[in-house]
């Protein structure tokens, strides 16, 4: 099974993942960058990456995720329900991470801490 990647498919992909780019990549990364002086990263993997490589390495990892999605995009689009589910889960995680980081800045307490999960 061979898939062709073209400019049209790239634009289609960017349109499909626009909310992932806005919330999961830009929103989460920018709000993490802004919120770090007010708190700490509780997720162990990003905390380890931030400690050893800095905030921009987190952005690089998020871009790698988008590139990975681009390469599996033609395959996963063959299963529309799976694609929609995957896309919405990543969008939801981005929105929740952004809200969590903004709460740290504004209230000094994250959503996860307010719920008593940490």
C-alpha atoms as a PDB file:
ATOM      1  CA  UNK A   1       0.000   0.000   0.000  1.00  0.00           C
ATOM      2  CA  UNK A   2       1.604   3.237  -1.142  1.00  0.00           C
ATOM      3  CA  UNK A   3       0.505   6.720  -0.147  1.00  0.00           C
ATOM      4  CA  UNK A   4       1.336   9.903  -1.991  1.00  0.00           C
ATOM      5  CA  UNK A   5       2.113  13.008  -0.002  1.00  0.00           C
ATOM      6  CA  UNK A   6       1.443  16.225  -1.853  1.00  0.00           C
ATOM      7  CA  UNK A   7       0.889  19.882  -1.192  1.00  0.00           C
ATOM      8  CA  UNK A   8      -2.856  19.261  -1.244  1.00  0.00           C
ATOM      9  CA  UNK A   9      -2.562  16.510   1.353  1.00  0.00           C
ATOM     10  CA  UNK A  10      -0.329  18.753   3.496  1.00  0.00           C
ATOM     11  CA  UNK A  11      -2.876  21.583   3.418  1.00  0.00           C
ATOM     12  CA  UNK A  12      -5.653  19.106   4.141  1.00  0.00           C
ATOM     13  CA  UNK A  13      -3.649  17.752   7.067  1.00  0.00           C
ATOM     14  CA  UNK A  14      -2.943  21.216   8.497  1.00  0.00           C
ATOM     15  CA  UNK A  15      -6.636  22.044   8.227  1.00  0.00           C
ATOM     16  CA  UNK A  16      -7.549  18.810  10.026  1.00  0.00           C
ATOM     17  CA  UNK A  17      -5.085  19.367  12.878  1.00  0.00           C
ATOM     18  CA  UNK A  18      -5.452  23.135  13.250  1.00  0.00           C
ATOM     19  CA  UNK A  19      -6.896  22.844  16.776  1.00  0.00           C
ATOM     20  CA  UNK A  20      -4.154  20.404  17.768  1.00  0.00           C
ATOM     21  CA  UNK A  21      -1.602  22.969  16.582  1.00  0.00           C
ATOM     22  CA  UNK A  22      -3.373  25.811  18.396  1.00  0.00           C
ATOM     23  CA  UNK A  23      -4.014  24.083  21.723  1.00  0.00           C
ATOM     24  CA  UNK A  24      -1.650  21.118  22.060  1.00  0.00           C
ATOM     25  CA  UNK A  25       1.423  22.692  20.518  1.00  0.00           C
ATOM     26  CA  UNK A  26       1.188  26.478  20.815  1.00  0.00           C
ATOM     27  CA  UNK A  27      -1.204  26.788  23.768  1.00  0.00           C
ATOM     28  CA  UNK A  28       0.341  24.132  25.976  1.00  0.00           C
ATOM     29  CA  UNK A  29       3.928  25.058  25.163  1.00  0.00           C
ATOM     30  CA  UNK A  30       3.449  28.826  25.561  1.00  0.00           C
ATOM     31  CA  UNK A  31       1.434  28.471  28.758  1.00  0.00           C
ATOM     32  CA  UNK A  32       3.997  26.014  30.171  1.00  0.00           C
ATOM     33  CA  UNK A  33       6.776  28.456  29.341  1.00  0.00           C
ATOM     34  CA  UNK A  34       4.874  31.276  31.030  1.00  0.00           C
ATOM     35  CA  UNK A  35       3.721  29.209  34.045  1.00  0.00           C
ATOM     36  CA  UNK A  36       7.030  27.565  34.991  1.00  0.00           C
ATOM     37  CA  UNK A  37       8.185  30.488  37.188  1.00  0.00           C
ATOM     38  CA  UNK A  38       4.907  30.172  39.140  1.00  0.00           C
ATOM     39  CA  UNK A  39       4.984  26.443  39.734  1.00  0.00           C
ATOM     40  CA  UNK A  40       6.533  23.198  38.602  1.00  0.00           C
ATOM     41  CA  UNK A  41       5.832  20.549  36.003  1.00  0.00           C
ATOM     42  CA  UNK A  42       4.071  17.608  37.660  1.00  0.00           C
ATOM     43  CA  UNK A  43       4.099  15.252  34.685  1.00  0.00           C
ATOM     44  CA  UNK A  44       7.302  13.198  35.156  1.00  0.00           C
ATOM     45  CA  UNK A  45       8.298  12.874  31.486  1.00  0.00           C
ATOM     46  CA  UNK A  46       8.027  16.573  30.554  1.00  0.00           C
ATOM     47  CA  UNK A  47       9.609  17.482  33.905  1.00  0.00           C
ATOM     48  CA  UNK A  48      12.617  15.294  33.082  1.00  0.00           C
ATOM     49  CA  UNK A  49      12.885  16.745  29.575  1.00  0.00           C
ATOM     50  CA  UNK A  50      12.566  20.314  30.860  1.00  0.00           C
ATOM     51  CA  UNK A  51      15.178  19.725  33.550  1.00  0.00           C
ATOM     52  CA  UNK A  52      17.774  18.251  31.208  1.00  0.00           C
ATOM     53  CA  UNK A  53      17.137  19.968  27.873  1.00  0.00           C
ATOM     54  CA  UNK A  54      15.048  23.086  28.495  1.00  0.00           C
ATOM     55  CA  UNK A  55      11.692  24.409  27.377  1.00  0.00           C
ATOM     56  CA  UNK A  56      12.452  24.446  23.651  1.00  0.00           C
ATOM     57  CA  UNK A  57      13.042  20.696  23.632  1.00  0.00           C
ATOM     58  CA  UNK A  58       9.406  20.284  24.664  1.00  0.00           C
ATOM     59  CA  UNK A  59       8.391  22.297  21.600  1.00  0.00           C
ATOM     60  CA  UNK A  60      10.588  20.100  19.399  1.00  0.00           C
ATOM     61  CA  UNK A  61       8.901  16.966  20.773  1.00  0.00           C
ATOM     62  CA  UNK A  62       5.468  18.424  20.054  1.00  0.00           C
ATOM     63  CA  UNK A  63       6.516  19.214  16.480  1.00  0.00           C
ATOM     64  CA  UNK A  64       7.817  15.647  16.101  1.00  0.00           C
ATOM     65  CA  UNK A  65       4.393  14.411  17.217  1.00  0.00           C
ATOM     66  CA  UNK A  66       2.719  16.490  14.501  1.00  0.00           C
ATOM     67  CA  UNK A  67       5.155  15.164  11.893  1.00  0.00           C
ATOM     68  CA  UNK A  68       4.375  11.624  13.045  1.00  0.00           C
ATOM     69  CA  UNK A  69       0.672  12.353  12.683  1.00  0.00           C
ATOM     70  CA  UNK A  70       1.323  13.668   9.169  1.00  0.00           C
ATOM     71  CA  UNK A  71       2.954  10.423   8.111  1.00  0.00           C
ATOM     72  CA  UNK A  72       0.184   8.221   9.501  1.00  0.00           C
ATOM     73  CA  UNK A  73      -2.537  10.629   8.331  1.00  0.00           C
ATOM     74  CA  UNK A  74      -3.300   8.812   5.031  1.00  0.00           C
ATOM     75  CA  UNK A  75      -3.590   5.472   6.825  1.00  0.00           C
ATOM     76  CA  UNK A  76      -5.658   6.610   9.780  1.00  0.00           C
ATOM     77  CA  UNK A  77      -7.991   8.602   7.499  1.00  0.00           C
ATOM     78  CA  UNK A  78      -9.093   5.232   6.082  1.00  0.00           C
ATOM     79  CA  UNK A  79     -10.776   4.695   9.462  1.00  0.00           C
ATOM     80  CA  UNK A  80     -12.749   7.920  10.017  1.00  0.00           C
ATOM     81  CA  UNK A  81     -14.035   7.041  13.491  1.00  0.00           C
ATOM     82  CA  UNK A  82     -10.509   6.293  14.735  1.00  0.00           C
ATOM     83  CA  UNK A  83      -9.144   9.500  13.199  1.00  0.00           C
ATOM     84  CA  UNK A  84     -11.882  11.644  14.731  1.00  0.00           C
ATOM     85  CA  UNK A  85     -11.361  10.000  18.126  1.00  0.00           C
ATOM     86  CA  UNK A  86      -7.565  10.437  17.980  1.00  0.00           C
ATOM     87  CA  UNK A  87      -7.848  14.040  16.846  1.00  0.00           C
ATOM     88  CA  UNK A  88     -10.352  14.975  19.550  1.00  0.00           C
ATOM     89  CA  UNK A  89      -8.364  13.274  22.318  1.00  0.00           C
ATOM     90  CA  UNK A  90      -5.215  15.237  21.414  1.00  0.00           C
ATOM     91  CA  UNK A  91      -7.227  18.477  21.121  1.00  0.00           C
ATOM     92  CA  UNK A  92      -8.838  17.827  24.514  1.00  0.00           C
ATOM     93  CA  UNK A  93      -5.448  17.167  26.129  1.00  0.00           C
ATOM     94  CA  UNK A  94      -4.132  20.419  24.655  1.00  0.00           C
ATOM     95  CA  UNK A  95      -7.093  22.438  25.934  1.00  0.00           C
ATOM     96  CA  UNK A  96      -6.870  20.883  29.405  1.00  0.00           C
ATOM     97  CA  UNK A  97      -3.094  21.396  29.618  1.00  0.00           C
ATOM     98  CA  UNK A  98      -3.467  25.027  28.570  1.00  0.00           C
ATOM     99  CA  UNK A  99      -6.252  25.646  31.113  1.00  0.00           C
ATOM    100  CA  UNK A 100      -4.190  23.915  33.802  1.00  0.00           C
ATOM    101  CA  UNK A 101      -1.156  26.099  33.096  1.00  0.00           C
ATOM    102  CA  UNK A 102      -3.224  29.308  33.028  1.00  0.00           C
ATOM    103  CA  UNK A 103      -4.745  28.382  36.398  1.00  0.00           C
ATOM    104  CA  UNK A 104      -1.229  28.032  37.837  1.00  0.00           C
ATOM    105  CA  UNK A 105      -0.426  31.574  36.709  1.00  0.00           C
ATOM    106  CA  UNK A 106      -3.716  33.190  37.771  1.00  0.00           C
ATOM    107  CA  UNK A 107      -4.554  31.255  40.934  1.00  0.00           C
ATOM    108  CA  UNK A 108      -1.263  29.682  42.007  1.00  0.00           C
ATOM    109  CA  UNK A 109      -2.983  26.310  41.896  1.00  0.00           C
ATOM    110  CA  UNK A 110      -3.540  23.991  38.959  1.00  0.00           C
ATOM    111  CA  UNK A 111      -6.750  22.246  37.939  1.00  0.00           C
ATOM    112  CA  UNK A 112      -5.155  18.927  38.863  1.00  0.00           C
ATOM    113  CA  UNK A 113      -4.252  20.219  42.332  1.00  0.00           C
ATOM    114  CA  UNK A 114      -7.735  21.715  42.798  1.00  0.00           C
ATOM    115  CA  UNK A 115      -9.273  18.321  42.011  1.00  0.00           C
ATOM    116  CA  UNK A 116      -6.955  16.713  44.598  1.00  0.00           C
ATOM    117  CA  UNK A 117      -5.217  14.446  42.082  1.00  0.00           C
ATOM    118  CA  UNK A 118      -1.751  15.649  43.111  1.00  0.00           C
END
